[in-house]
Amino acid sequence: MSHLFPTYQRWEIEPDKAEGTIIYGKDGQRYLDFTSGIGVCNLGHRPEAVELAVKKQLELFWHVSNLFPQSIQEAAAKKLAEETGLDCVFFANSGAEANEAAIKLARKATGRGKIITFMQSFHGRTFAGMAATGQEKIKQGFGRMLETFIHLPFNDLESLKAEIDKDTAAVMLEIIQGEGGIHVVTNEFIKEAASLCAENGVLLIIDEIQTGVGRTGKPFAFQHFGIEPDIITVAKGLGNGFPIGAAIGKAELAEFFGPGSHGSTFGGNPISTSAALAVMEAIFNAGFLEEASAKGELLFDLLHKSVGGLDIVKEIRGLGLMAGIELNVEAQPILAELRKSGLIALSAGEKVVRLLPPLNVTREEVEEAVSLMKSTLSNYKVTV
């Protein structure tokens, strides 16, 4: 028997080694990894620049606590501030922790209690993150939720106008609802939401846990829409596999996160921050992002041409290198068939296949993945 709690429905593949976009299983098979560790390995497995940065830091020190000033933290925070247009950074260990920090900061800074989030959203599995999430299945069995959160229909402007009031501390949303099915915010909704927040003294929190660090072809997904959030949360792709998250906010919020107001023993660990800095130096340059954006366009073009017309496919949606293929059947059997063919993908809800390849995936690998997707979907026998 396993001595692990059965919190994960594990696949049949045990990795032996991995490099770039490829995982080699202990079964001797080669697998094209279009999960990136659930949107984490944006530079693929074991990128040289990140590996070298971590090795260098390992030879200096691994952990000293946040009682010490650390130049590597300051450098990573400065890079995040520059790329987001914000000012101050709190380092955590994960996306859920980053969202917890954002929620606490919003309530303390505004003195208000209510936070508006959206149906189908996902903001983590801690108690506040779970309560913020707009999916009932995440909350089942855990009893009464925190009453801080109100969940509205995504992209429904009239609902937001009716709900936002003097007790609203923040509106918290994802630009693309990753776990909720790859639903993209509309231009009209996000711009009006930003305006409503500004008019009512409400903070706008953008959860970029899955969409940040180049995933959509820009440093952060909110930058496609010309808005200015008050707080951004980021994790996953920031460390390329090393545990790190961050809440990034405007300068005027700094006074509300003074000594003793929030903390994390391991947050901003020097190993993780050295990895994050190497990741950002690789991804946050125009040439890299242009190439990633072009490969995203290729992915969607090939998906529409190859599988868009199949009866089994309902809709293809997403942005950059974040794609969702909504099916007319359950996704899990399809994912199992894809793994047999050598392609590893994810679900995003019951009927959506999610593709999250590394940002430096090759064009040939994109073509191979779509070919495997076409073969699997075309040959899948729907049973009634």
Protein backbone atom coordinates (compact mmCIF):
# COMPACT_ATOMS: atom_id res chain seq x y z
CA MET A 1 0.00 0.00 0.00
CA SER A 2 1.00 3.61 -0.46
CA HIS A 3 1.70 5.70 2.64
CA LEU A 4 0.55 8.84 0.81
CA PHE A 5 -2.92 10.27 1.33
CA PRO A 6 -4.90 9.50 -1.84
CA THR A 7 -5.48 13.18 -2.68
CA TYR A 8 -4.38 12.77 -6.30
CA GLN A 9 -5.71 10.51 -9.03
CA ARG A 10 -2.31 9.54 -10.35
CA TRP A 11 -1.54 8.49 -13.91
CA GLU A 12 0.03 5.21 -14.96
CA ILE A 13 3.31 6.91 -16.01
CA GLU A 14 6.22 7.22 -13.57
CA PRO A 15 8.88 9.62 -14.87
CA ASP A 16 12.43 8.39 -15.09
CA LYS A 17 13.98 11.56 -16.48
CA ALA A 18 12.85 14.66 -18.34
CA GLU A 19 14.40 17.28 -20.60
CA GLY A 20 12.81 20.12 -22.54
CA THR A 21 9.31 19.07 -23.65
CA ILE A 22 9.96 15.34 -23.21
CA ILE A 23 9.35 13.03 -20.25
CA TYR A 24 10.91 9.56 -20.39
CA GLY A 25 8.92 7.06 -18.37
CA LYS A 26 10.21 4.12 -16.38
CA ASP A 27 8.22 2.07 -18.89
CA GLY A 28 10.84 3.04 -21.49
CA GLN A 29 8.44 5.26 -23.41
CA ARG A 30 8.90 8.84 -24.63
CA TYR A 31 6.10 11.26 -23.86
CA LEU A 32 5.47 14.72 -25.27
CA ASP A 33 4.63 16.79 -22.19
CA PHE A 34 1.97 19.40 -22.94
CA THR A 35 1.22 19.96 -19.25
CA SER A 36 4.45 21.74 -18.21
CA GLY A 37 3.85 20.37 -14.72
CA ILE A 38 0.43 22.12 -14.72
CA GLY A 39 1.73 25.37 -16.17
CA VAL A 40 4.93 25.40 -14.12
CA CYS A 41 7.82 24.43 -16.39
CA ASN A 42 7.44 27.33 -18.83
CA LEU A 43 11.03 26.79 -19.98
CA GLY A 44 10.58 23.03 -20.15
CA HIS A 45 12.26 20.44 -17.95
CA ARG A 46 15.72 21.22 -16.57
CA PRO A 47 16.53 24.41 -18.51
CA GLU A 48 20.25 25.06 -18.34
CA ALA A 49 20.05 28.69 -17.18
CA VAL A 50 17.83 27.80 -14.22
CA GLU A 51 19.90 24.77 -13.31
CA LEU A 52 23.10 26.85 -13.28
CA ALA A 53 21.51 29.60 -11.17
CA VAL A 54 20.30 27.09 -8.58
CA LYS A 55 23.66 25.31 -8.44
CA LYS A 56 25.41 28.64 -7.88
CA GLN A 57 23.09 29.52 -4.99
CA LEU A 58 23.39 26.04 -3.48
CA GLU A 59 27.10 26.66 -3.05
CA LEU A 60 26.40 29.88 -1.09
CA PHE A 61 23.48 29.19 1.29
CA TRP A 62 20.10 27.45 1.15
CA HIS A 63 18.09 29.15 3.86
CA VAL A 64 18.69 31.86 6.43
CA SER A 65 15.12 33.19 7.07
CA ASN A 66 13.52 36.49 6.14
CA LEU A 67 15.14 38.22 9.12
CA PHE A 68 18.15 38.72 6.83
CA PRO A 69 18.30 41.06 3.82
CA GLN A 70 18.92 39.01 0.67
CA SER A 71 20.11 40.54 -2.58
CA ILE A 72 18.61 37.71 -4.65
CA GLN A 73 15.14 38.54 -3.24
CA GLU A 74 15.57 42.23 -4.02
CA ALA A 75 16.66 41.45 -7.59
CA ALA A 76 13.68 39.13 -8.21
CA ALA A 77 11.25 41.63 -6.64
CA LYS A 78 12.62 44.46 -8.77
CA LYS A 79 12.17 42.40 -11.92
CA LEU A 80 8.56 41.58 -11.02
CA ALA A 81 7.83 45.23 -10.23
CA GLU A 82 9.33 46.39 -13.52
CA GLU A 83 7.38 43.88 -15.60
CA THR A 84 4.02 44.42 -13.90
CA GLY A 85 4.21 48.18 -13.44
CA LEU A 86 3.58 47.72 -9.71
CA ASP A 87 5.91 48.39 -6.80
CA CYS A 88 6.06 45.98 -3.85
CA VAL A 89 6.39 42.20 -3.65
CA PHE A 90 5.62 39.63 -0.96
CA PHE A 91 7.19 36.23 -1.66
CA ALA A 92 5.33 33.05 -0.72
CA ASN A 93 5.72 29.37 -1.63
CA SER A 94 2.74 28.81 -3.94
CA GLY A 95 -0.17 30.34 -5.78
CA ALA A 96 -2.58 29.60 -2.96
CA GLU A 97 -0.30 31.41 -0.50
CA ALA A 98 0.07 34.35 -2.89
CA ASN A 99 -3.71 34.62 -3.09
CA GLU A 100 -4.00 34.42 0.69
CA ALA A 101 -1.60 37.34 0.93
CA ALA A 102 -3.59 39.33 -1.63
CA ILE A 103 -6.88 38.69 0.19
CA LYS A 104 -5.43 39.74 3.55
CA LEU A 105 -3.82 42.83 2.05
CA ALA A 106 -7.03 43.92 0.31
CA ARG A 107 -9.13 43.61 3.45
CA LYS A 108 -6.60 45.38 5.64
CA ALA A 109 -5.90 48.20 3.18
CA THR A 110 -9.57 48.99 2.53
CA GLY A 111 -11.05 48.16 5.93
CA ARG A 112 -13.84 46.39 4.05
CA GLY A 113 -15.02 42.79 4.21
CA LYS A 114 -16.51 41.64 0.89
CA ILE A 115 -14.50 40.23 -2.01
CA ILE A 116 -16.19 39.51 -5.34
CA THR A 117 -14.96 36.52 -7.34
CA PHE A 118 -16.54 34.56 -10.19
CA MET A 119 -18.20 31.26 -10.97
CA GLN A 120 -15.86 28.61 -12.45
CA SER A 121 -12.87 30.41 -10.91
CA PHE A 122 -10.07 28.67 -9.03
CA HIS A 123 -7.95 30.46 -6.43
CA GLY A 124 -6.41 27.63 -4.39
CA ARG A 125 -7.17 24.97 -1.80
CA THR A 126 -6.41 26.79 1.44
CA PHE A 127 -9.53 27.84 3.33
CA ALA A 128 -9.65 31.39 1.95
CA GLY A 129 -8.57 30.23 -1.51
CA MET A 130 -11.23 27.52 -1.47
CA ALA A 131 -13.89 29.97 -0.33
CA ALA A 132 -12.85 32.40 -3.06
CA THR A 133 -13.13 29.68 -5.70
CA GLY A 134 -16.36 29.64 -7.68
CA GLN A 135 -16.63 25.84 -7.99
CA GLU A 136 -18.76 23.90 -5.51
CA LYS A 137 -16.92 20.61 -6.07
CA ILE A 138 -13.78 22.12 -4.48
CA LYS A 139 -15.70 22.84 -1.27
CA GLN A 140 -17.66 19.64 -0.78
CA GLY A 141 -17.20 18.02 2.64
CA PHE A 142 -15.38 20.91 4.30
CA GLY A 143 -18.32 22.49 6.06
CA ARG A 144 -19.27 26.14 6.24
CA MET A 145 -17.17 28.44 4.06
CA LEU A 146 -15.84 31.87 4.92
CA GLU A 147 -18.53 34.47 4.27
CA THR A 148 -16.13 37.01 2.77
CA PHE A 149 -16.75 35.97 -0.83
CA ILE A 150 -19.52 36.61 -3.35
CA HIS A 151 -19.47 34.62 -6.62
CA LEU A 152 -20.87 36.18 -9.80
CA PRO A 153 -21.23 34.91 -13.38
CA PHE A 154 -17.99 35.45 -15.30
CA ASN A 155 -18.06 38.23 -17.91
CA ASP A 156 -21.47 39.43 -16.64
CA LEU A 157 -21.10 43.18 -16.26
CA GLU A 158 -24.62 43.87 -15.00
CA SER A 159 -24.19 41.42 -12.11
CA LEU A 160 -20.96 43.13 -11.12
CA LYS A 161 -22.53 46.60 -11.26
CA ALA A 162 -25.35 45.41 -9.02
CA GLU A 163 -23.06 43.77 -6.42
CA ILE A 164 -20.17 46.19 -6.02
CA ASP A 165 -20.76 48.52 -3.05
CA LYS A 166 -19.21 50.37 -0.11
CA ASP A 167 -18.38 47.11 1.69
CA THR A 168 -16.48 45.66 -1.28
CA ALA A 169 -12.75 45.36 -0.60
CA ALA A 170 -11.75 43.80 -3.93
CA VAL A 171 -12.77 42.21 -7.17
CA MET A 172 -10.60 39.14 -7.76
CA LEU A 173 -10.46 37.37 -11.13
CA GLU A 174 -8.43 35.33 -13.58
CA ILE A 175 -7.85 36.68 -17.09
CA ILE A 176 -8.28 33.09 -18.26
CA GLN A 177 -10.08 30.68 -15.95
CA GLY A 178 -7.62 27.80 -16.16
CA GLU A 179 -9.08 25.11 -13.91
CA GLY A 180 -12.60 26.28 -14.75
CA GLY A 181 -12.45 25.37 -18.43
CA ILE A 182 -10.19 27.91 -20.24
CA HIS A 183 -12.71 30.76 -20.31
CA VAL A 184 -11.15 34.06 -21.42
CA VAL A 185 -12.28 37.39 -20.00
CA THR A 186 -13.86 39.74 -22.54
CA ASN A 187 -12.27 43.08 -23.34
CA GLU A 188 -15.44 44.97 -22.41
CA PHE A 189 -15.87 43.19 -19.08
CA ILE A 190 -12.32 43.59 -17.78
CA LYS A 191 -12.09 47.26 -18.75
CA GLU A 192 -15.45 48.08 -17.19
CA ALA A 193 -14.56 46.06 -14.09
CA ALA A 194 -11.35 48.06 -13.71
CA SER A 195 -13.30 51.32 -14.06
CA LEU A 196 -15.92 50.22 -11.52
CA CYS A 197 -13.21 49.33 -9.02
CA ALA A 198 -11.51 52.71 -9.43
CA GLU A 199 -14.82 54.58 -9.04
CA ASN A 200 -15.78 52.73 -5.87
CA GLY A 201 -12.43 52.55 -4.06
CA VAL A 202 -12.29 48.80 -4.66
CA LEU A 203 -9.00 47.00 -5.28
CA LEU A 204 -8.65 44.96 -8.48
CA ILE A 205 -6.79 41.69 -7.87
CA ILE A 206 -5.68 39.76 -10.95
CA ASP A 207 -4.87 36.10 -10.29
CA GLU A 208 -2.06 35.34 -12.76
CA ILE A 209 -1.04 32.07 -11.10
CA GLN A 210 -1.48 30.11 -14.33
CA THR A 211 -1.46 32.88 -16.95
CA GLY A 212 1.60 34.79 -15.76
CA VAL A 213 5.26 34.66 -16.79
CA GLY A 214 4.75 34.60 -20.55
CA ARG A 215 2.04 31.94 -20.84
CA THR A 216 -0.20 34.13 -23.06
CA GLY A 217 2.56 35.76 -25.13
CA LYS A 218 2.99 38.78 -22.85
CA PRO A 219 4.74 38.89 -19.47
CA PHE A 220 1.30 38.89 -17.81
CA ALA A 221 -2.12 38.24 -19.31
CA PHE A 222 -3.70 41.47 -18.01
CA GLN A 223 -1.35 43.36 -20.34
CA HIS A 224 -3.43 42.29 -23.35
CA PHE A 225 -6.21 44.59 -22.11
CA GLY A 226 -4.52 47.85 -21.09
CA ILE A 227 -5.67 47.82 -17.47
CA GLU A 228 -3.80 48.62 -14.24
CA PRO A 229 -4.49 46.14 -11.40
CA ASP A 230 -3.86 47.06 -7.79
CA ILE A 231 -2.57 43.59 -6.87
CA ILE A 232 -1.33 40.70 -9.02
CA THR A 233 -0.63 37.19 -7.83
CA VAL A 234 1.82 34.89 -9.59
CA ALA A 235 3.35 31.46 -8.96
CA LYS A 236 3.55 28.29 -11.12
CA GLY A 237 5.76 29.40 -14.04
CA LEU A 238 7.75 31.81 -11.88
CA GLY A 239 10.09 29.15 -10.48
CA ASN A 240 9.98 26.57 -13.29
CA GLY A 241 9.49 23.82 -10.73
CA PHE A 242 10.96 25.41 -7.62
CA PRO A 243 8.24 26.42 -5.13
CA ILE A 244 7.62 30.15 -5.19
CA GLY A 245 4.67 32.52 -5.35
CA ALA A 246 4.32 36.28 -5.11
CA ALA A 247 1.74 38.94 -4.40
CA ILE A 248 2.68 42.19 -6.14
CA GLY A 249 0.99 45.47 -5.25
CA LYS A 250 0.99 49.23 -5.66
CA ALA A 251 3.27 51.37 -3.49
CA GLU A 252 0.40 52.83 -1.46
CA LEU A 253 -0.40 49.35 -0.12
CA ALA A 254 3.03 48.93 1.49
CA GLU A 255 2.02 50.57 4.79
CA PHE A 256 -0.58 47.85 5.38
CA PHE A 257 1.96 45.03 5.17
CA GLY A 258 4.42 46.18 7.79
CA PRO A 259 6.43 44.01 10.22
CA GLY A 260 4.27 41.35 11.87
CA SER A 261 1.32 41.77 9.50
CA HIS A 262 2.12 38.75 7.33
CA GLY A 263 4.96 36.31 6.84
CA SER A 264 6.28 32.99 5.61
CA THR A 265 9.17 30.92 6.94
CA PHE A 266 10.18 29.63 3.53
CA GLY A 267 8.73 32.40 1.33
CA GLY A 268 11.39 33.89 -0.92
CA ASN A 269 13.78 31.03 -0.21
CA PRO A 270 17.11 31.85 -1.93
CA ILE A 271 17.06 28.66 -4.02
CA SER A 272 13.59 29.45 -5.37
CA THR A 273 14.28 33.14 -5.91
CA SER A 274 17.48 32.37 -7.81
CA ALA A 275 15.45 30.07 -10.05
CA ALA A 276 12.78 32.75 -10.48
CA LEU A 277 15.30 35.39 -11.46
CA ALA A 278 16.82 33.10 -14.08
CA VAL A 279 13.33 32.30 -15.42
CA MET A 280 12.41 35.97 -15.72
CA GLU A 281 15.69 36.87 -17.40
CA ALA A 282 14.98 34.21 -20.02
CA ILE A 283 11.28 34.90 -20.61
CA PHE A 284 10.88 38.64 -20.15
CA ASN A 285 12.46 39.76 -23.39
CA ALA A 286 10.68 40.78 -26.57
CA GLY A 287 12.25 38.17 -28.84
CA PHE A 288 11.36 35.22 -26.61
CA LEU A 289 7.79 36.41 -26.10
CA GLU A 290 7.27 37.12 -29.80
CA GLU A 291 8.40 33.59 -30.60
CA ALA A 292 6.13 32.12 -27.90
CA SER A 293 3.22 34.15 -29.22
CA ALA A 294 3.86 32.94 -32.77
CA LYS A 295 3.89 29.33 -31.60
CA GLY A 296 0.62 29.96 -29.77
CA GLU A 297 -0.91 31.19 -33.02
CA LEU A 298 0.42 28.09 -34.76
CA LEU A 299 -1.09 25.84 -32.09
CA PHE A 300 -4.55 27.37 -32.42
CA ASP A 301 -4.39 27.47 -36.21
CA LEU A 302 -3.49 23.77 -36.37
CA LEU A 303 -6.11 22.82 -33.76
CA HIS A 304 -8.89 24.60 -35.66
CA LYS A 305 -7.82 23.04 -38.97
CA SER A 306 -7.20 19.54 -37.62
CA VAL A 307 -9.87 18.93 -34.97
CA GLY A 308 -12.15 21.97 -35.00
CA GLY A 309 -14.54 20.31 -37.44
CA LEU A 310 -14.84 16.97 -35.65
CA ASP A 311 -18.23 16.08 -34.17
CA ILE A 312 -16.58 15.27 -30.85
CA VAL A 313 -15.25 18.86 -30.52
CA LYS A 314 -17.60 21.58 -29.26
CA GLU A 315 -15.26 24.59 -29.02
CA ILE A 316 -11.59 25.59 -29.00
CA ARG A 317 -10.60 28.56 -26.87
CA GLY A 318 -7.68 30.15 -25.07
CA LEU A 319 -4.80 32.55 -25.63
CA GLY A 320 -1.09 32.19 -26.32
CA LEU A 321 0.11 28.73 -25.31
CA MET A 322 -2.89 28.05 -23.12
CA ALA A 323 -5.50 26.08 -25.07
CA GLY A 324 -8.74 24.39 -24.13
CA ILE A 325 -10.60 21.95 -26.39
CA GLU A 326 -14.15 21.51 -25.11
CA LEU A 327 -15.56 18.12 -26.08
CA ASN A 328 -19.01 16.63 -26.32
CA VAL A 329 -17.77 13.70 -24.18
CA GLU A 330 -15.92 13.31 -20.89
CA ALA A 331 -12.27 14.37 -21.11
CA GLN A 332 -10.64 11.73 -18.89
CA PRO A 333 -10.99 8.77 -21.31
CA ILE A 334 -9.58 10.97 -24.08
CA LEU A 335 -6.63 11.95 -21.90
CA ALA A 336 -5.91 8.29 -21.20
CA GLU A 337 -5.89 7.55 -24.93
CA LEU A 338 -3.60 10.51 -25.57
CA ARG A 339 -1.11 9.19 -23.02
CA LYS A 340 -1.11 5.82 -24.78
CA SER A 341 -0.24 7.65 -28.00
CA GLY A 342 2.63 9.53 -26.31
CA LEU A 343 1.01 12.91 -25.56
CA ILE A 344 0.40 14.08 -21.98
CA ALA A 345 -2.34 16.69 -21.56
CA LEU A 346 -4.63 17.93 -18.78
CA SER A 347 -8.31 18.39 -18.11
CA ALA A 348 -9.97 21.68 -17.21
CA GLY A 349 -13.38 20.66 -15.97
CA GLU A 350 -15.21 17.51 -16.99
CA LYS A 351 -15.18 17.96 -20.76
CA VAL A 352 -12.20 20.17 -21.59
CA VAL A 353 -8.75 18.98 -22.69
CA ARG A 354 -6.15 21.57 -21.67
CA LEU A 355 -2.81 22.07 -23.42
CA LEU A 356 -0.01 23.94 -21.62
CA PRO A 357 3.22 23.26 -23.53
CA PRO A 358 6.50 24.91 -22.49
CA LEU A 359 6.90 28.37 -24.00
CA ASN A 360 10.03 27.21 -25.84
CA VAL A 361 8.27 24.22 -27.40
CA THR A 362 9.42 23.70 -30.99
CA ARG A 363 7.13 24.07 -33.99
CA GLU A 364 7.75 20.42 -34.78
CA GLU A 365 6.56 19.44 -31.29
CA VAL A 366 3.42 21.56 -31.72
CA GLU A 367 2.72 19.80 -35.02
CA GLU A 368 3.34 16.39 -33.45
CA ALA A 369 0.99 17.12 -30.54
CA VAL A 370 -1.83 18.30 -32.81
CA SER A 371 -1.34 15.25 -35.05
CA LEU A 372 -1.68 12.95 -32.02
CA MET A 373 -4.72 14.90 -30.87
CA LYS A 374 -6.34 14.56 -34.31
CA SER A 375 -5.65 10.83 -34.48
CA THR A 376 -7.02 10.20 -30.99
CA LEU A 377 -10.17 12.29 -31.39
CA SER A 378 -10.89 11.00 -34.89
CA ASN A 379 -10.66 7.37 -33.82
CA TYR A 380 -12.38 7.66 -30.45
CA LYS A 381 -15.53 5.55 -30.28
CA VAL A 382 -18.28 7.26 -28.32
CA THR A 383 -20.25 4.77 -26.24
CA VAL A 384 -23.80 5.55 -25.19
